[in-house]
Amino acid sequence: MSTSLLHYRPWRGEFHPPALSPWPIARVALGMMFRRKLFWVLYAFGLLTFLVFFFGQYLLAWADAQAAGEYVTVLGARVQAEKLTSQLRNVLRLDGTADSYRNFFSYQGYMVMILLALAGTLLLGFGIWRRARRWLALMVFAVGILAGLAGISACGGNNSVVTPGTYAYTITATDTKTAVAVNTSINVMVP
């Protein structure tokens, strides 16, 4: 090979606006993700979580509509409708309340966190299955997951952050052109 090929060669293509510069990185990253079987397994778990919460609410409504003491068949097993209802309502919290949505977003948040850790590992150039740097790739993957866990647990780990009671707030809006201000008071009751 000749050294004449090693000099700087200017770009001969069409220049695009700087706002489009993330698209090639995103295209390559998505291509790397879609080629991994681990991505599709994690995607299937996320989809399974969604389907459990989506159809679980309908299963609960259907079980509530059954007569008391009646046995129903679910996935080939005969179950008493009241027991099915209590399991769905009390254990899985699939009753459409705030706890149900909190649990759903919590589980989906874990799946997103793991996928982002996988994407970061791949974008840093660590293939998960390469033998030479496997330990380093797994360490980067584990650090990404731990960082995500720290962020998720800090955001929603404690449910009783605010002391129950009534809190008074005053909201002020000021027009920047005319300097006219409007005030209103609100009371927020925390059960």
C-alpha atoms as a PDB file:
ATOM      1  CA  MET A   1       0.000   0.000   0.000  1.00  0.00           C
ATOM      2  CA  SER A   2       1.258   3.409  -0.910  1.00  0.00           C
ATOM      3  CA  THR A   3       1.584   6.231   1.602  1.00  0.00           C
ATOM      4  CA  SER A   4      -0.075   8.589  -0.865  1.00  0.00           C
ATOM      5  CA  LEU A   5      -3.458   7.207   0.230  1.00  0.00           C
ATOM      6  CA  LEU A   6      -2.920   8.405   3.801  1.00  0.00           C
ATOM      7  CA  HIS A   7      -3.318  12.135   3.152  1.00  0.00           C
ATOM      8  CA  TYR A   8      -6.454  14.093   4.056  1.00  0.00           C
ATOM      9  CA  ARG A   9      -9.267  13.592   1.609  1.00  0.00           C
ATOM     10  CA  PRO A  10     -12.002  16.251   1.749  1.00  0.00           C
ATOM     11  CA  TRP A  11     -15.666  15.335   1.948  1.00  0.00           C
ATOM     12  CA  ARG A  12     -17.147  15.245  -1.545  1.00  0.00           C
ATOM     13  CA  GLY A  13     -20.782  14.651  -0.574  1.00  0.00           C
ATOM     14  CA  GLU A  14     -23.543  17.099   0.168  1.00  0.00           C
ATOM     15  CA  PHE A  15     -23.374  18.917   3.502  1.00  0.00           C
ATOM     16  CA  HIS A  16     -26.468  18.787   5.719  1.00  0.00           C
ATOM     17  CA  PRO A  17     -27.532  21.098   8.540  1.00  0.00           C
ATOM     18  CA  PRO A  18     -25.941  20.449  11.954  1.00  0.00           C
ATOM     19  CA  ALA A  19     -29.342  19.533  13.406  1.00  0.00           C
ATOM     20  CA  LEU A  20     -29.239  16.294  11.389  1.00  0.00           C
ATOM     21  CA  SER A  21     -25.892  15.181  12.818  1.00  0.00           C
ATOM     22  CA  PRO A  22     -27.362  12.800  15.489  1.00  0.00           C
ATOM     23  CA  TRP A  23     -29.184  10.731  12.853  1.00  0.00           C
ATOM     24  CA  PRO A  24     -26.161   8.707  11.595  1.00  0.00           C
ATOM     25  CA  ILE A  25     -25.225   7.833  15.182  1.00  0.00           C
ATOM     26  CA  ALA A  26     -28.800   6.819  15.950  1.00  0.00           C
ATOM     27  CA  ARG A  27     -29.006   4.748  12.750  1.00  0.00           C
ATOM     28  CA  VAL A  28     -25.819   2.843  13.565  1.00  0.00           C
ATOM     29  CA  ALA A  29     -26.837   2.383  17.209  1.00  0.00           C
ATOM     30  CA  LEU A  30     -30.256   1.014  16.306  1.00  0.00           C
ATOM     31  CA  GLY A  31     -28.692  -1.310  13.750  1.00  0.00           C
ATOM     32  CA  MET A  32     -26.317  -2.634  16.407  1.00  0.00           C
ATOM     33  CA  MET A  33     -29.181  -3.103  18.864  1.00  0.00           C
ATOM     34  CA  PHE A  34     -31.518  -4.860  16.438  1.00  0.00           C
ATOM     35  CA  ARG A  35     -28.829  -7.432  15.580  1.00  0.00           C
ATOM     36  CA  ARG A  36     -28.558  -8.619  19.205  1.00  0.00           C
ATOM     37  CA  LYS A  37     -30.720 -11.479  20.430  1.00  0.00           C
ATOM     38  CA  LEU A  38     -30.502 -10.035  23.947  1.00  0.00           C
ATOM     39  CA  PHE A  39     -32.320  -6.918  22.731  1.00  0.00           C
ATOM     40  CA  TRP A  40     -35.213  -8.986  21.387  1.00  0.00           C
ATOM     41  CA  VAL A  41     -35.428 -11.016  24.603  1.00  0.00           C
ATOM     42  CA  LEU A  42     -35.596  -7.811  26.669  1.00  0.00           C
ATOM     43  CA  TYR A  43     -38.101  -6.355  24.206  1.00  0.00           C
ATOM     44  CA  ALA A  44     -40.267  -9.465  24.615  1.00  0.00           C
ATOM     45  CA  PHE A  45     -40.166  -9.087  28.426  1.00  0.00           C
ATOM     46  CA  GLY A  46     -41.221  -5.450  28.129  1.00  0.00           C
ATOM     47  CA  LEU A  47     -44.056  -6.429  25.798  1.00  0.00           C
ATOM     48  CA  LEU A  48     -45.093  -9.211  28.175  1.00  0.00           C
ATOM     49  CA  THR A  49     -45.245  -6.715  31.051  1.00  0.00           C
ATOM     50  CA  PHE A  50     -47.449  -4.433  28.974  1.00  0.00           C
ATOM     51  CA  LEU A  51     -49.753  -7.290  27.981  1.00  0.00           C
ATOM     52  CA  VAL A  52     -50.098  -8.492  31.580  1.00  0.00           C
ATOM     53  CA  PHE A  53     -51.186  -5.051  32.743  1.00  0.00           C
ATOM     54  CA  PHE A  54     -53.352  -4.385  29.688  1.00  0.00           C
ATOM     55  CA  PHE A  55     -55.264  -7.653  29.655  1.00  0.00           C
ATOM     56  CA  GLY A  56     -55.090  -8.087  33.435  1.00  0.00           C
ATOM     57  CA  GLN A  57     -57.474  -5.182  33.916  1.00  0.00           C
ATOM     58  CA  TYR A  58     -59.955  -6.780  31.525  1.00  0.00           C
ATOM     59  CA  LEU A  59     -59.525 -10.146  33.228  1.00  0.00           C
ATOM     60  CA  LEU A  60     -60.295  -8.459  36.561  1.00  0.00           C
ATOM     61  CA  ALA A  61     -63.430  -6.800  35.163  1.00  0.00           C
ATOM     62  CA  TRP A  62     -64.553 -10.115  33.675  1.00  0.00           C
ATOM     63  CA  ALA A  63     -63.936 -11.984  36.950  1.00  0.00           C
ATOM     64  CA  ASP A  64     -65.886  -9.308  38.860  1.00  0.00           C
ATOM     65  CA  ALA A  65     -68.840  -9.860  36.546  1.00  0.00           C
ATOM     66  CA  GLN A  66     -68.984 -13.589  37.343  1.00  0.00           C
ATOM     67  CA  ALA A  67     -71.367 -14.870  39.999  1.00  0.00           C
ATOM     68  CA  ALA A  68     -70.012 -15.253  43.542  1.00  0.00           C
ATOM     69  CA  GLY A  69     -68.652 -18.715  44.258  1.00  0.00           C
ATOM     70  CA  GLU A  70     -68.606 -19.661  40.571  1.00  0.00           C
ATOM     71  CA  TYR A  71     -65.587 -21.419  39.088  1.00  0.00           C
ATOM     72  CA  VAL A  72     -64.072 -20.008  35.897  1.00  0.00           C
ATOM     73  CA  THR A  73     -61.486 -21.458  33.537  1.00  0.00           C
ATOM     74  CA  VAL A  74     -58.375 -19.345  33.019  1.00  0.00           C
ATOM     75  CA  LEU A  75     -55.552 -20.741  30.862  1.00  0.00           C
ATOM     76  CA  GLY A  76     -56.953 -24.249  31.285  1.00  0.00           C
ATOM     77  CA  ALA A  77     -57.170 -24.129  35.090  1.00  0.00           C
ATOM     78  CA  ARG A  78     -60.426 -23.932  37.061  1.00  0.00           C
ATOM     79  CA  VAL A  79     -60.244 -21.087  39.560  1.00  0.00           C
ATOM     80  CA  GLN A  80     -62.843 -19.599  41.867  1.00  0.00           C
ATOM     81  CA  ALA A  81     -63.782 -16.140  40.557  1.00  0.00           C
ATOM     82  CA  GLU A  82     -63.451 -14.485  43.986  1.00  0.00           C
ATOM     83  CA  LYS A  83     -59.912 -15.825  44.476  1.00  0.00           C
ATOM     84  CA  LEU A  84     -58.907 -14.698  40.998  1.00  0.00           C
ATOM     85  CA  THR A  85     -60.310 -11.249  41.700  1.00  0.00           C
ATOM     86  CA  SER A  86     -58.503 -10.946  45.022  1.00  0.00           C
ATOM     87  CA  GLN A  87     -55.194 -12.055  43.459  1.00  0.00           C
ATOM     88  CA  LEU A  88     -55.481  -9.571  40.604  1.00  0.00           C
ATOM     89  CA  ARG A  89     -56.628  -6.737  42.840  1.00  0.00           C
ATOM     90  CA  ASN A  90     -54.467  -7.193  45.939  1.00  0.00           C
ATOM     91  CA  VAL A  91     -51.271  -8.876  44.733  1.00  0.00           C
ATOM     92  CA  LEU A  92     -50.752  -7.548  41.204  1.00  0.00           C
ATOM     93  CA  ARG A  93     -52.724  -4.306  41.725  1.00  0.00           C
ATOM     94  CA  LEU A  94     -54.379  -4.580  38.308  1.00  0.00           C
ATOM     95  CA  ASP A  95     -57.453  -2.621  39.326  1.00  0.00           C
ATOM     96  CA  GLY A  96     -56.728   0.628  37.475  1.00  0.00           C
ATOM     97  CA  THR A  97     -55.794   2.633  40.552  1.00  0.00           C
ATOM     98  CA  ALA A  98     -52.734   4.809  40.950  1.00  0.00           C
ATOM     99  CA  ASP A  99     -50.834   1.829  42.399  1.00  0.00           C
ATOM    100  CA  SER A 100     -51.524  -0.112  39.215  1.00  0.00           C
ATOM    101  CA  TYR A 101     -50.089   2.609  36.984  1.00  0.00           C
ATOM    102  CA  ARG A 102     -47.148   3.160  39.326  1.00  0.00           C
ATOM    103  CA  ASN A 103     -46.281  -0.545  39.182  1.00  0.00           C
ATOM    104  CA  PHE A 104     -46.635  -0.610  35.405  1.00  0.00           C
ATOM    105  CA  PHE A 105     -44.326   2.354  34.873  1.00  0.00           C
ATOM    106  CA  SER A 106     -41.895   0.998  37.448  1.00  0.00           C
ATOM    107  CA  TYR A 107     -41.594  -2.338  35.636  1.00  0.00           C
ATOM    108  CA  GLN A 108     -41.363  -0.671  32.241  1.00  0.00           C
ATOM    109  CA  GLY A 109     -38.758   1.743  33.643  1.00  0.00           C
ATOM    110  CA  TYR A 110     -36.551  -1.189  34.552  1.00  0.00           C
ATOM    111  CA  MET A 111     -36.807  -2.550  31.010  1.00  0.00           C
ATOM    112  CA  VAL A 112     -35.928   0.841  29.512  1.00  0.00           C
ATOM    113  CA  MET A 113     -33.006   1.169  31.926  1.00  0.00           C
ATOM    114  CA  ILE A 114     -31.588  -2.229  30.929  1.00  0.00           C
ATOM    115  CA  LEU A 115     -31.988  -1.443  27.226  1.00  0.00           C
ATOM    116  CA  LEU A 116     -30.251   1.908  27.662  1.00  0.00           C
ATOM    117  CA  ALA A 117     -27.375   0.199  29.475  1.00  0.00           C
ATOM    118  CA  LEU A 118     -27.127  -2.286  26.593  1.00  0.00           C
ATOM    119  CA  ALA A 119     -27.157   0.556  24.063  1.00  0.00           C
ATOM    120  CA  GLY A 120     -24.447   2.423  25.962  1.00  0.00           C
ATOM    121  CA  THR A 121     -22.306  -0.685  26.131  1.00  0.00           C
ATOM    122  CA  LEU A 122     -22.645  -1.254  22.402  1.00  0.00           C
ATOM    123  CA  LEU A 123     -22.028   2.397  21.500  1.00  0.00           C
ATOM    124  CA  LEU A 124     -18.853   2.434  23.550  1.00  0.00           C
ATOM    125  CA  GLY A 125     -17.599  -0.328  21.299  1.00  0.00           C
ATOM    126  CA  PHE A 126     -17.856  -3.229  23.702  1.00  0.00           C
ATOM    127  CA  GLY A 127     -19.491  -6.190  22.023  1.00  0.00           C
ATOM    128  CA  ILE A 128     -21.141  -8.321  24.689  1.00  0.00           C
ATOM    129  CA  TRP A 129     -19.984 -11.594  23.160  1.00  0.00           C
ATOM    130  CA  ARG A 130     -16.373 -10.766  22.225  1.00  0.00           C
ATOM    131  CA  ARG A 131     -14.086 -12.920  24.337  1.00  0.00           C
ATOM    132  CA  ALA A 132     -11.116 -10.548  24.618  1.00  0.00           C
ATOM    133  CA  ARG A 133     -13.011  -7.739  26.352  1.00  0.00           C
ATOM    134  CA  ARG A 134     -16.004  -9.582  27.718  1.00  0.00           C
ATOM    135  CA  TRP A 135     -15.252  -8.731  31.356  1.00  0.00           C
ATOM    136  CA  LEU A 136     -14.925  -5.048  30.517  1.00  0.00           C
ATOM    137  CA  ALA A 137     -18.157  -5.060  28.517  1.00  0.00           C
ATOM    138  CA  LEU A 138     -20.009  -6.758  31.353  1.00  0.00           C
ATOM    139  CA  MET A 139     -18.600  -4.251  33.839  1.00  0.00           C
ATOM    140  CA  VAL A 140     -19.778  -1.298  31.698  1.00  0.00           C
ATOM    141  CA  PHE A 141     -23.182  -2.990  31.330  1.00  0.00           C
ATOM    142  CA  ALA A 142     -23.415  -3.571  35.109  1.00  0.00           C
ATOM    143  CA  VAL A 143     -22.395   0.021  35.915  1.00  0.00           C
ATOM    144  CA  GLY A 144     -25.057   1.292  33.494  1.00  0.00           C
ATOM    145  CA  ILE A 145     -27.718  -0.861  35.132  1.00  0.00           C
ATOM    146  CA  LEU A 146     -26.651   0.182  38.635  1.00  0.00           C
ATOM    147  CA  ALA A 147     -26.718   3.850  37.640  1.00  0.00           C
ATOM    148  CA  GLY A 148     -30.204   3.379  36.243  1.00  0.00           C
ATOM    149  CA  LEU A 149     -31.332   1.586  39.386  1.00  0.00           C
ATOM    150  CA  ALA A 150     -30.026   4.424  41.508  1.00  0.00           C
ATOM    151  CA  GLY A 151     -31.972   6.922  39.409  1.00  0.00           C
ATOM    152  CA  ILE A 152     -35.204   4.928  39.406  1.00  0.00           C
ATOM    153  CA  SER A 153     -35.110   4.166  43.104  1.00  0.00           C
ATOM    154  CA  ALA A 154     -34.372   7.818  43.875  1.00  0.00           C
ATOM    155  CA  CYS A 155     -37.364   8.938  41.819  1.00  0.00           C
ATOM    156  CA  GLY A 156     -40.028   6.582  43.090  1.00  0.00           C
ATOM    157  CA  GLY A 157     -38.695   4.501  45.929  1.00  0.00           C
ATOM    158  CA  ASN A 158     -40.434   6.244  48.841  1.00  0.00           C
ATOM    159  CA  ASN A 159     -44.184   6.704  48.561  1.00  0.00           C
ATOM    160  CA  SER A 160     -44.699   8.716  51.763  1.00  0.00           C
ATOM    161  CA  VAL A 161     -42.500  11.711  50.997  1.00  0.00           C
ATOM    162  CA  VAL A 162     -45.050  14.414  51.829  1.00  0.00           C
ATOM    163  CA  THR A 163     -46.662  14.585  55.253  1.00  0.00           C
ATOM    164  CA  PRO A 164     -50.459  14.295  55.006  1.00  0.00           C
ATOM    165  CA  GLY A 165     -52.298  17.572  55.450  1.00  0.00           C
ATOM    166  CA  THR A 166     -53.487  20.666  53.612  1.00  0.00           C
ATOM    167  CA  TYR A 167     -50.899  22.947  52.017  1.00  0.00           C
ATOM    168  CA  ALA A 168     -51.631  26.511  50.838  1.00  0.00           C
ATOM    169  CA  TYR A 169     -49.793  27.881  47.789  1.00  0.00           C
ATOM    170  CA  THR A 170     -49.909  31.242  46.020  1.00  0.00           C
ATOM    171  CA  ILE A 171     -49.321  31.285  42.276  1.00  0.00           C
ATOM    172  CA  THR A 172     -48.278  34.530  40.607  1.00  0.00           C
ATOM    173  CA  ALA A 173     -48.222  35.121  36.851  1.00  0.00           C
ATOM    174  CA  THR A 174     -46.637  38.294  35.464  1.00  0.00           C
ATOM    175  CA  ASP A 175     -46.882  39.570  31.893  1.00  0.00           C
ATOM    176  CA  THR A 176     -43.374  40.538  30.755  1.00  0.00           C
ATOM    177  CA  LYS A 177     -44.549  43.255  28.354  1.00  0.00           C
ATOM    178  CA  THR A 178     -47.068  45.108  30.518  1.00  0.00           C
ATOM    179  CA  ALA A 179     -45.802  44.057  33.971  1.00  0.00           C
ATOM    180  CA  VAL A 180     -49.338  43.190  35.028  1.00  0.00           C
ATOM    181  CA  ALA A 181     -49.387  40.507  37.754  1.00  0.00           C
ATOM    182  CA  VAL A 182     -52.208  38.131  38.679  1.00  0.00           C
ATOM    183  CA  ASN A 183     -52.274  36.134  41.923  1.00  0.00           C
ATOM    184  CA  THR A 184     -54.330  33.150  42.947  1.00  0.00           C
ATOM    185  CA  SER A 185     -54.263  30.885  45.976  1.00  0.00           C
ATOM    186  CA  ILE A 186     -54.757  27.138  45.950  1.00  0.00           C
ATOM    187  CA  ASN A 187     -55.001  24.529  48.679  1.00  0.00           C
ATOM    188  CA  VAL A 188     -53.519  21.090  48.058  1.00  0.00           C
ATOM    189  CA  MET A 189     -54.770  18.301  50.280  1.00  0.00           C
ATOM    190  CA  VAL A 190     -52.462  15.292  50.703  1.00  0.00           C
ATOM    191  CA  PRO A 191     -54.347  12.271  52.059  1.00  0.00           C
END
